[in-house]
C-alpha cells in the first residue's frame, strides 16, 4: 500500500514538473529574430552601421495587454548634412502572436544624435550662458558666495546633438557656497546645459540648464547662523542684483534730495515732483526717500517685490491715467485737519479728496559713532478721481489760475 501511494506521489510530482517547465519555457521557446532579420525589419539595410546592444528582453505591455519582445539596437545613418551622420538608439519591438511566435511591431526610438557636427568653442558657450547668470546658477544663485573656479567646459563635455539646432554639453566650476544651512563648503559643481539656435548656420542664442545635481564637496566647515545671515549679503544673487540696481539707478536723471526737517517739507518736495516731473525723475526721487521696508534686506538699492509693486502703482496713478495728478492738485495746498508729525495730507482741487505721505526717522549712517537719521517715506496714497463728474468739474475752469488762484 505504501509503495502504491509513493508511486502516485511521484507521478503527480512529475506532472507538476512538466507544467512548470512549460510555464518557464513559455515566451522563450521561440525562434528569436536574427540580427539580419532585425536590421531588415527596422528598415536599416542601407544604414552605415548597425549593431544590437542587448540580448533581448521579454516584457508585458500593459497598454496593449500583451507580451512583447525587445532588442536594443544602434543604427548610424547618413543625415541630410554633408559629412554628418545620425546615430539612432532604440528598441526593435515584436508583439506576441502565439505561444511560440512574435511578429515585428515597430522601432521605438530612444534617442537621436548627430555625429560630425562642429562643436562650439568654450568662448561661444560661455558667451550664451553669461547673458543670464541667474538662470545658469538657478537655485545655487542665492547660495554661492564666491566663484573659486570660473565656469568652463569639462575635459569631456559629453557633447550631444539632439538636432542641428540643439546641443547638450557639460560645464564645471568650483564654488564656495552656503551648504546644508549652516556650513560653508567648496563644491565641485557640474552643469548640464542645452544650447539652442534658430538654424544650423546661426549663432547660439539661448540655453537652459537641465541638471545641477552632480556635486562633490571638497571641504566644508560649520559656522553660526548669524554668520550665515551676514554672508548672504555676499551671495551672487545679492551682489549681481546690487550691481544691476545701481546701474539702473545711475541711468535715471539726477535728483537732488535735501535733508528734510518735517513731514510737510518732504511732502511738498514729493508733491512738486509729481506735479512737474516725469516718471524717471519720480522714481529717482523715491529711491532716495523710501524707507527700508521697500528694499531687499541689507540693501538701499534693490527694491523688494513689495517696493516695486508700490512704486509702479504710484507712478501709474500720477502719470498713467486719463486725468493726471497735476490736473487735480494745485502747487500750493492748504493744511489738513488730520495732519500730524508723521503724516501729511495733500488736499486736491476736488472736495473730499486728498493724497497722503507718511514718514518716520531712520538711521542712515554714523558720524563719530553718532547715528545720523533722516526722514523716510513709510507709506503713500495717491488719490485721484477719473469719473465723468470730476472731468466735467476740471474742464469747467477757463484757466489753471482760476482753478488754483494761489499758484504762481
Protein backbone atom coordinates (compact mmCIF):
# COMPACT_ATOMS: atom_id res chain seq x y z
CA UNK A 1 0.00 0.00 0.00
CA UNK A 2 2.82 2.38 0.89
CA UNK A 3 4.51 1.61 -2.43
CA UNK A 4 1.29 2.44 -4.33
CA UNK A 5 0.95 5.80 -2.55
CA UNK A 6 4.62 6.58 -3.24
CA UNK A 7 4.15 5.76 -6.91
CA UNK A 8 1.11 8.04 -7.17
CA UNK A 9 3.03 10.90 -5.48
CA UNK A 10 5.93 10.53 -7.91
CA UNK A 11 3.57 10.62 -10.90
CA UNK A 12 1.85 13.77 -9.52
CA UNK A 13 5.21 15.43 -8.93
CA UNK A 14 6.29 14.66 -12.50
CA UNK A 15 3.10 16.21 -13.85
CA UNK A 16 3.79 19.41 -11.85
CA UNK A 17 7.36 19.47 -13.18
CA UNK A 18 6.10 19.21 -16.76
CA UNK A 19 3.61 22.06 -16.20
CA UNK A 20 6.28 24.20 -14.52
CA UNK A 21 8.75 23.57 -17.32
CA UNK A 22 6.11 24.58 -19.87
CA UNK A 23 5.41 27.79 -18.00
CA UNK A 24 9.10 28.65 -17.75
CA UNK A 25 9.63 27.95 -21.41
CA UNK A 26 6.56 29.94 -22.48
CA UNK A 27 7.67 33.02 -24.41
CA UNK A 28 11.32 31.98 -24.57
CA UNK A 29 10.87 28.82 -26.61
CA UNK A 30 10.50 30.74 -29.86
CA UNK A 31 12.86 31.49 -32.66
CA UNK A 32 14.35 34.89 -31.79
CA UNK A 33 14.80 37.10 -34.84
CA UNK A 34 18.35 37.17 -36.14
CA UNK A 35 20.44 40.32 -36.29
CA UNK A 36 19.97 40.41 -40.07
CA UNK A 37 16.20 40.00 -39.67
CA UNK A 38 16.02 42.83 -37.13
CA UNK A 39 18.06 45.05 -39.41
CA UNK A 40 15.66 44.33 -42.25
CA UNK A 41 12.54 44.76 -40.08
CA UNK A 42 13.50 48.24 -38.87
CA UNK A 43 14.48 49.37 -42.37
CA UNK A 44 18.21 49.68 -41.67
CA UNK A 45 19.51 47.64 -44.58
CA UNK A 46 21.17 50.72 -46.08
CA UNK A 47 22.50 52.05 -42.75
CA UNK A 48 26.21 52.80 -42.42
CA UNK A 49 26.48 50.65 -39.32
CA UNK A 50 24.09 48.50 -37.32
CA UNK A 51 24.51 46.56 -34.11
CA UNK A 52 22.38 45.04 -31.38
CA UNK A 53 23.10 46.45 -27.95
CA UNK A 54 21.21 43.83 -25.89
CA UNK A 55 20.46 40.15 -25.96
CA UNK A 56 16.69 40.74 -25.89
CA UNK A 57 14.06 41.21 -23.22
CA UNK A 58 10.51 39.92 -22.86
CA UNK A 59 8.14 42.30 -21.10
CA UNK A 60 4.45 42.95 -20.54
CA UNK A 61 2.87 45.87 -22.40
CA UNK A 62 0.04 46.94 -20.11
CA UNK A 63 -1.40 49.35 -22.69
CA UNK A 64 -1.88 46.59 -25.24
CA UNK A 65 -2.37 43.78 -22.73
CA UNK A 66 0.19 41.63 -24.48
CA UNK A 67 3.74 40.30 -24.15
CA UNK A 68 6.39 41.85 -26.33
CA UNK A 69 10.00 41.12 -27.14
CA UNK A 70 12.56 43.98 -27.25
CA UNK A 71 16.03 44.01 -28.74
CA UNK A 72 18.16 47.12 -28.26
CA UNK A 73 19.84 48.40 -31.42
CA UNK A 74 22.12 51.22 -32.51
CA UNK A 75 22.00 52.49 -36.09
CA UNK A 76 24.21 55.03 -37.84
CA UNK A 77 22.71 56.63 -40.95
CA UNK A 78 23.74 59.42 -43.26
CA UNK A 79 22.00 62.69 -42.48
CA UNK A 80 20.95 65.43 -44.89
CA UNK A 81 24.02 67.42 -43.79
CA UNK A 82 27.20 66.58 -45.73
CA UNK A 83 29.78 64.87 -43.55
CA UNK A 84 27.36 64.43 -40.63
CA UNK A 85 25.83 61.11 -39.58
CA UNK A 86 22.75 60.42 -37.47
CA UNK A 87 23.12 57.98 -34.57
CA UNK A 88 19.78 56.41 -33.66
CA UNK A 89 19.40 54.35 -30.48
CA UNK A 90 16.23 52.41 -29.75
CA UNK A 91 14.42 49.11 -29.43
CA UNK A 92 13.11 46.79 -32.12
CA UNK A 93 9.75 45.67 -30.69
CA UNK A 94 7.98 42.39 -31.50
CA UNK A 95 4.47 41.53 -30.34
CA UNK A 96 3.49 38.01 -29.27
CA UNK A 97 1.10 36.34 -31.71
CA UNK A 98 1.08 32.84 -30.21
CA UNK A 99 2.92 30.83 -27.60
CA UNK A 100 5.96 30.49 -29.84
CA UNK A 101 5.63 33.27 -32.36
CA UNK A 102 6.36 37.01 -32.22
CA UNK A 103 5.92 39.39 -35.14
CA UNK A 104 7.65 42.71 -35.75
CA UNK A 105 5.62 45.68 -34.50
CA UNK A 106 7.72 48.87 -34.56
CA UNK A 107 11.04 50.55 -33.82
CA UNK A 108 10.87 52.53 -30.59
CA UNK A 109 13.35 55.43 -30.80
CA UNK A 110 15.08 56.28 -27.51
CA UNK A 111 17.46 58.97 -28.77
CA UNK A 112 18.82 60.65 -31.87
CA UNK A 113 22.18 62.36 -32.03
CA UNK A 114 24.29 63.83 -34.78
CA UNK A 115 27.92 62.79 -35.26
CA UNK A 116 30.36 65.05 -37.04
CA UNK A 117 28.72 68.39 -36.24
CA UNK A 118 31.36 71.01 -35.36
CA UNK A 119 31.14 71.69 -31.62
CA UNK A 120 31.14 75.33 -30.47
CA UNK A 121 34.13 76.78 -28.67
CA UNK A 122 34.19 77.32 -24.92
CA UNK A 123 34.01 81.06 -25.61
CA UNK A 124 30.83 80.58 -27.64
CA UNK A 125 29.18 78.50 -24.90
CA UNK A 126 30.12 80.92 -22.12
CA UNK A 127 29.01 83.83 -24.27
CA UNK A 128 25.48 82.44 -24.23
CA UNK A 129 25.20 81.46 -20.55
CA UNK A 130 26.86 84.66 -19.32
CA UNK A 131 23.90 86.65 -20.60
CA UNK A 132 21.80 85.23 -17.76
CA UNK A 133 23.93 84.06 -14.84
CA UNK A 134 20.83 83.90 -12.64
CA UNK A 135 19.29 81.28 -14.94
CA UNK A 136 22.59 79.42 -15.21
CA UNK A 137 23.08 79.08 -11.44
CA UNK A 138 19.38 78.67 -10.65
CA UNK A 139 18.79 77.70 -7.00
CA UNK A 140 22.57 77.93 -6.42
CA UNK A 141 22.47 81.67 -7.15
CA UNK A 142 21.44 82.64 -3.64
CA UNK A 143 23.76 80.07 -2.02
CA UNK A 144 27.01 80.80 -3.85
CA UNK A 145 29.35 83.21 -2.06
CA UNK A 146 32.44 83.05 -4.22
CA UNK A 147 33.43 81.56 -7.57
CA UNK A 148 36.68 79.71 -6.88
CA UNK A 149 36.99 78.38 -10.44
CA UNK A 150 35.01 80.10 -13.16
CA UNK A 151 32.54 78.05 -15.23
CA UNK A 152 34.29 76.19 -18.05
CA UNK A 153 33.77 73.26 -20.39
CA UNK A 154 34.62 69.95 -18.77
CA UNK A 155 37.58 67.98 -20.17
CA UNK A 156 34.93 65.68 -21.59
CA UNK A 157 31.96 67.98 -22.25
CA UNK A 158 29.81 64.98 -23.28
CA UNK A 159 28.61 66.74 -26.42
CA UNK A 160 25.24 65.50 -27.62
CA UNK A 161 23.50 66.84 -30.70
CA UNK A 162 19.78 66.07 -30.46
CA UNK A 163 19.21 68.13 -33.59
CA UNK A 164 21.41 70.52 -35.59
CA UNK A 165 19.74 73.30 -33.56
CA UNK A 166 20.07 71.82 -30.05
CA UNK A 167 23.24 70.74 -28.30
CA UNK A 168 23.92 69.40 -24.81
CA UNK A 169 27.25 69.82 -23.04
CA UNK A 170 28.66 69.80 -19.50
CA UNK A 171 30.27 72.75 -17.75
CA UNK A 172 32.12 72.63 -14.46
CA UNK A 173 33.01 75.10 -11.72
CA UNK A 174 34.27 75.20 -8.14
CA UNK A 175 32.05 77.27 -5.86
CA UNK A 176 32.25 78.41 -2.27
CA UNK A 177 28.71 78.24 -1.04
CA UNK A 178 26.31 78.03 1.88
CA UNK A 179 25.84 74.30 2.40
CA UNK A 180 23.22 72.43 4.41
CA UNK A 181 22.01 75.51 6.25
CA UNK A 182 24.97 76.35 8.48
CA UNK A 183 28.08 75.18 6.63
CA UNK A 184 30.43 76.89 4.20
CA UNK A 185 31.73 74.45 1.61
CA UNK A 186 33.84 74.34 -1.50
CA UNK A 187 31.95 72.29 -4.05
CA UNK A 188 32.84 70.91 -7.45
CA UNK A 189 29.68 71.69 -9.39
CA UNK A 190 28.62 70.31 -12.76
CA UNK A 191 26.05 71.97 -15.03
CA UNK A 192 24.39 70.07 -17.87
CA UNK A 193 23.46 72.75 -20.39
CA UNK A 194 21.31 72.64 -23.51
CA UNK A 195 22.02 75.29 -26.15
CA UNK A 196 19.54 76.49 -28.79
CA UNK A 197 19.83 78.31 -32.10
CA UNK A 198 17.39 79.17 -34.88
CA UNK A 199 19.09 77.08 -37.57
CA UNK A 200 22.34 75.15 -38.01
CA UNK A 201 24.15 78.15 -39.51
CA UNK A 202 23.03 80.62 -36.83
CA UNK A 203 24.90 81.50 -33.61
CA UNK A 204 23.79 80.02 -30.31
CA UNK A 205 21.37 82.41 -28.61
CA UNK A 206 19.52 80.60 -25.80
CA UNK A 207 20.09 77.95 -23.17
CA UNK A 208 18.56 76.02 -20.31
CA UNK A 209 20.30 74.06 -17.55
CA UNK A 210 18.89 70.55 -17.49
CA UNK A 211 20.80 69.36 -14.41
CA UNK A 212 22.74 70.78 -11.45
CA UNK A 213 22.65 67.55 -9.43
CA UNK A 214 26.28 66.49 -9.91
CA UNK A 215 28.05 67.97 -6.87
CA UNK A 216 31.17 66.92 -4.96
CA UNK A 217 32.11 68.55 -1.65
CA UNK A 218 35.83 69.32 -1.46
CA UNK A 219 35.81 70.81 2.05
CA UNK A 220 33.34 72.30 4.49
CA UNK A 221 33.15 73.96 7.87
CA UNK A 222 30.31 74.76 10.25
CA UNK A 223 29.55 78.39 11.11
CA UNK A 224 26.90 80.14 13.17
CA UNK A 225 23.54 81.09 11.72
CA UNK A 226 24.33 84.75 12.44
CA UNK A 227 27.40 84.39 10.26
CA UNK A 228 25.31 82.78 7.54
CA UNK A 229 22.93 85.74 7.70
CA UNK A 230 25.82 88.13 7.17
CA UNK A 231 27.31 86.04 4.37
CA UNK A 232 24.04 86.13 2.45
CA UNK A 233 24.93 89.73 1.61
CA UNK A 234 27.84 88.30 -0.40
CA UNK A 235 25.84 85.81 -2.47
CA UNK A 236 25.95 86.00 -6.26
CA UNK A 237 22.26 86.84 -6.29
CA UNK A 238 22.64 89.77 -3.90
CA UNK A 239 25.81 91.22 -5.40
CA UNK A 240 24.68 90.90 -9.02
CA UNK A 241 21.28 92.41 -8.25
CA UNK A 242 23.05 95.22 -6.38
CA UNK A 243 25.11 95.94 -9.48
CA UNK A 244 22.05 95.85 -11.73
CA UNK A 245 20.03 98.06 -9.39
CA UNK A 246 22.92 100.53 -9.06
CA UNK A 247 23.33 100.67 -12.84
CA UNK A 248 19.60 101.22 -13.33
CA UNK A 249 19.58 103.98 -10.69
CA UNK A 250 22.62 105.63 -12.27
CA UNK A 251 20.77 105.78 -15.58
CA UNK A 252 17.96 107.82 -14.03
CA UNK A 253 18.01 111.64 -14.03
CA UNK A 254 19.92 113.25 -11.17
CA UNK A 255 17.55 114.48 -8.46
CA UNK A 256 18.88 116.48 -5.52
CA UNK A 257 17.06 115.41 -2.36
CA UNK A 258 17.61 117.78 0.59
CA UNK A 259 17.62 116.85 4.28
CA UNK A 260 14.02 117.44 5.37
CA UNK A 261 13.22 118.66 8.86
CA UNK A 262 9.50 117.89 8.80
CA UNK A 263 6.97 115.70 7.11
CA UNK A 264 5.47 118.80 5.46
CA UNK A 265 8.79 119.70 3.82
CA UNK A 266 9.15 116.18 2.46
CA UNK A 267 5.53 116.06 1.29
CA UNK A 268 5.89 119.42 -0.54
CA UNK A 269 9.01 118.07 -2.30
CA UNK A 270 7.31 114.84 -3.43
CA UNK A 271 4.17 116.76 -4.40
CA UNK A 272 6.25 119.10 -6.58
CA UNK A 273 7.95 116.14 -8.26
CA UNK A 274 4.59 114.50 -9.01
CA UNK A 275 3.18 117.70 -10.50
CA UNK A 276 6.15 118.90 -12.51
CA UNK A 277 8.45 115.97 -13.32
CA UNK A 278 8.27 112.76 -15.30
CA UNK A 279 8.22 109.11 -14.24
CA UNK A 280 12.00 108.72 -14.30
CA UNK A 281 12.54 111.72 -12.03
CA UNK A 282 9.79 110.45 -9.74
CA UNK A 283 11.48 107.05 -9.46
CA UNK A 284 14.90 108.63 -8.88
CA UNK A 285 13.50 110.72 -6.03
CA UNK A 286 11.56 107.87 -4.42
CA UNK A 287 14.59 105.54 -4.48
CA UNK A 288 16.29 108.07 -2.21
CA UNK A 289 13.28 108.66 0.02
CA UNK A 290 11.66 105.27 0.62
CA UNK A 291 12.17 103.57 3.98
CA UNK A 292 13.88 100.16 4.43
CA UNK A 293 10.57 98.27 4.27
CA UNK A 294 10.54 98.80 0.50
CA UNK A 295 14.05 97.39 -0.06
CA UNK A 296 15.69 93.98 -0.05
CA UNK A 297 17.25 93.28 3.35
CA UNK A 298 20.79 94.74 3.66
CA UNK A 299 20.27 96.90 0.56
CA UNK A 300 19.47 100.55 -0.07
CA UNK A 301 19.50 99.98 -3.82
CA UNK A 302 17.36 96.91 -4.59
CA UNK A 303 13.64 97.35 -4.14
CA UNK A 304 11.89 94.22 -2.95
CA UNK A 305 8.78 92.89 -4.70
CA UNK A 306 6.51 94.99 -2.49
CA UNK A 307 8.57 98.12 -3.17
CA UNK A 308 8.50 97.59 -6.92
CA UNK A 309 4.76 96.99 -6.84
CA UNK A 310 4.06 100.12 -4.78
CA UNK A 311 6.31 102.34 -6.89
CA UNK A 312 4.63 101.06 -10.05
CA UNK A 313 1.16 101.72 -8.64
CA UNK A 314 2.06 105.24 -7.55
CA UNK A 315 3.71 106.03 -10.87
CA UNK A 316 0.72 104.74 -12.84
CA UNK A 317 -1.65 106.81 -10.73
CA UNK A 318 0.40 110.01 -11.11
CA UNK A 319 1.30 109.72 -14.79
CA UNK A 320 -0.73 106.97 -16.44
CA UNK A 321 -4.41 107.85 -16.12
CA UNK A 322 -6.86 109.80 -18.24
CA UNK A 323 -6.60 112.52 -15.59
CA UNK A 324 -3.09 113.21 -14.25
CA UNK A 325 -2.02 114.17 -10.75
CA UNK A 326 -1.16 117.70 -11.85
CA UNK A 327 -4.70 118.13 -13.21
CA UNK A 328 -6.32 117.58 -9.81
CA UNK A 329 -3.76 119.18 -7.46
CA UNK A 330 -2.62 122.77 -7.19
CA UNK A 331 1.03 123.56 -6.49
CA UNK A 332 0.05 125.32 -3.25
CA UNK A 333 -2.14 123.27 -0.93
CA UNK A 334 -3.90 124.01 2.34
CA UNK A 335 -3.44 122.39 5.72
CA UNK A 336 -5.49 119.32 6.51
CA UNK A 337 -7.13 118.57 9.87
CA UNK A 338 -5.64 115.05 10.02
CA UNK A 339 -2.03 116.17 9.64
CA UNK A 340 0.44 115.04 12.31
CA UNK A 341 4.19 114.93 12.90
CA UNK A 342 4.43 111.81 10.76
CA UNK A 343 1.54 112.17 8.33
CA UNK A 344 0.86 114.90 5.79
CA UNK A 345 -2.31 115.08 3.69
CA UNK A 346 -2.29 116.98 0.40
CA UNK A 347 -5.82 118.23 -0.43
CA UNK A 348 -6.85 118.07 -4.09
CA UNK A 349 -8.85 120.63 -6.05
CA UNK A 350 -11.87 118.35 -5.73
CA UNK A 351 -13.77 118.28 -2.47
CA UNK A 352 -13.19 115.43 -0.01
CA UNK A 353 -10.14 114.18 -1.89
CA UNK A 354 -6.54 114.15 -0.62
CA UNK A 355 -3.31 112.24 -1.13
CA UNK A 356 -1.15 111.24 1.83
CA UNK A 357 2.52 110.87 2.71
CA UNK A 358 3.60 109.08 5.89
CA UNK A 359 7.17 109.28 7.24
CA UNK A 360 9.41 108.22 10.09
CA UNK A 361 13.05 108.69 11.08
CA UNK A 362 15.61 106.03 10.20
CA UNK A 363 19.34 105.65 10.77
CA UNK A 364 21.17 106.32 7.51
CA UNK A 365 24.74 106.11 8.83
CA UNK A 366 27.08 107.10 11.64
CA UNK A 367 29.41 110.03 12.26
CA UNK A 368 31.93 109.80 15.10
CA UNK A 369 29.84 106.97 16.49
CA UNK A 370 26.65 109.03 16.48
CA UNK A 371 23.68 107.74 14.49
CA UNK A 372 22.67 110.01 11.63
CA UNK A 373 18.95 109.93 10.94
CA UNK A 374 16.72 111.14 8.14
CA UNK A 375 13.02 111.20 7.32
CA UNK A 376 11.97 108.41 5.01
CA UNK A 377 8.61 107.52 3.47
CA UNK A 378 6.83 104.63 5.17
CA UNK A 379 3.61 104.87 3.15
CA UNK A 380 1.94 106.86 0.41
CA UNK A 381 -1.51 107.10 -1.10
CA UNK A 382 -2.06 108.87 -4.40
CA UNK A 383 -5.76 109.71 -4.61
CA UNK A 384 -7.33 110.67 -7.93
CA UNK A 385 -10.83 110.78 -9.38
CA UNK A 386 -11.34 109.81 -13.00
CA UNK A 387 -15.14 109.76 -13.13
CA UNK A 388 -17.09 111.90 -15.60
CA UNK A 389 -18.23 114.36 -12.94
CA UNK A 390 -14.62 115.04 -11.90
CA UNK A 391 -13.63 115.56 -15.55
CA UNK A 392 -16.55 117.95 -16.09
CA UNK A 393 -15.63 119.93 -12.99
CA UNK A 394 -11.98 120.36 -14.03
CA UNK A 395 -12.87 121.21 -17.63
CA UNK A 396 -15.25 123.93 -16.47
CA UNK A 397 -12.34 126.22 -15.48
CA UNK A 398 -11.10 128.58 -18.16
CA UNK A 399 -7.50 128.53 -16.88
CA UNK A 400 -5.24 126.92 -14.31
CA UNK A 401 -5.15 130.24 -12.43
CA UNK A 402 -8.89 130.21 -11.95
CA UNK A 403 -8.67 126.64 -10.59
CA UNK A 404 -5.59 127.32 -8.40
CA UNK A 405 -5.58 131.06 -7.56
CA UNK A 406 -2.69 130.72 -5.07
CA UNK A 407 -0.28 129.25 -7.62
CA UNK A 408 2.26 131.50 -9.27
